[in-house]
Amino acid sequence: MHTQTDTASLITGSGGDYAFTVKGNMPILHAKLKALPWKNMPANRFAALRS
């Protein structure tokens, strides 16, 4: 899969999960993601649901 807006929208719009890499060529998205409190998020969403 490629990191394309249309691909991500199709998958997530259908109820699926989509993990992708964001590089520096998308500076606004990259900055927003970098600012998230990653240390407070579970590493695996499904593992967090099982606990």
Protein backbone atom coordinates (compact mmCIF):
# COMPACT_ATOMS: atom_id res chain seq x y z
CA MET A 1 0.00 0.00 0.00
CA HIS A 2 1.09 3.51 -0.65
CA THR A 3 0.64 6.50 1.60
CA GLN A 4 -2.03 8.12 -0.52
CA THR A 5 -4.97 10.18 0.72
CA ASP A 6 -7.46 8.33 -1.51
CA THR A 7 -6.25 4.92 -0.33
CA ALA A 8 -6.38 5.90 3.35
CA SER A 9 -9.84 7.45 2.93
CA LEU A 10 -11.20 4.36 1.20
CA ILE A 11 -9.90 1.98 3.88
CA THR A 12 -10.87 4.06 6.92
CA GLY A 13 -14.18 5.07 5.34
CA SER A 14 -15.04 1.38 5.07
CA GLY A 15 -14.34 0.88 8.79
CA GLY A 16 -10.82 -0.48 8.41
CA ASP A 17 -7.62 0.51 10.15
CA TYR A 18 -4.70 1.88 8.16
CA ALA A 19 -1.18 2.47 9.46
CA PHE A 20 1.21 4.39 7.27
CA THR A 21 4.52 6.22 7.31
CA VAL A 22 4.53 10.01 7.20
CA LYS A 23 7.69 11.60 5.89
CA GLY A 24 8.96 15.17 5.79
CA ASN A 25 7.41 15.79 2.36
CA MET A 26 4.06 16.20 4.19
CA PRO A 27 5.23 18.86 6.68
CA ILE A 28 1.86 19.84 8.19
CA LEU A 29 0.75 16.26 8.83
CA HIS A 30 4.24 15.32 10.01
CA ALA A 31 4.26 18.19 12.54
CA LYS A 32 0.75 17.35 13.83
CA LEU A 33 1.66 13.70 14.33
CA LYS A 34 4.96 14.53 15.96
CA ALA A 35 3.12 16.76 18.48
CA LEU A 36 0.81 13.94 19.66
CA PRO A 37 1.41 12.48 23.15
CA TRP A 38 2.76 9.17 21.83
CA LYS A 39 4.10 8.02 25.21
CA ASN A 40 0.52 8.07 26.56
CA MET A 41 -0.87 5.89 23.75
CA PRO A 42 -0.91 2.10 23.89
CA ALA A 43 1.56 0.50 21.48
CA ASN A 44 -1.12 -1.89 20.29
CA ARG A 45 -4.74 -0.81 20.25
CA PHE A 46 -6.00 -4.39 20.45
CA ALA A 47 -3.71 -5.26 23.37
CA ALA A 48 -5.16 -2.29 25.25
CA LEU A 49 -8.69 -3.59 24.61
CA ARG A 50 -7.78 -7.03 26.03
CA SER A 51 -6.52 -5.65 29.36
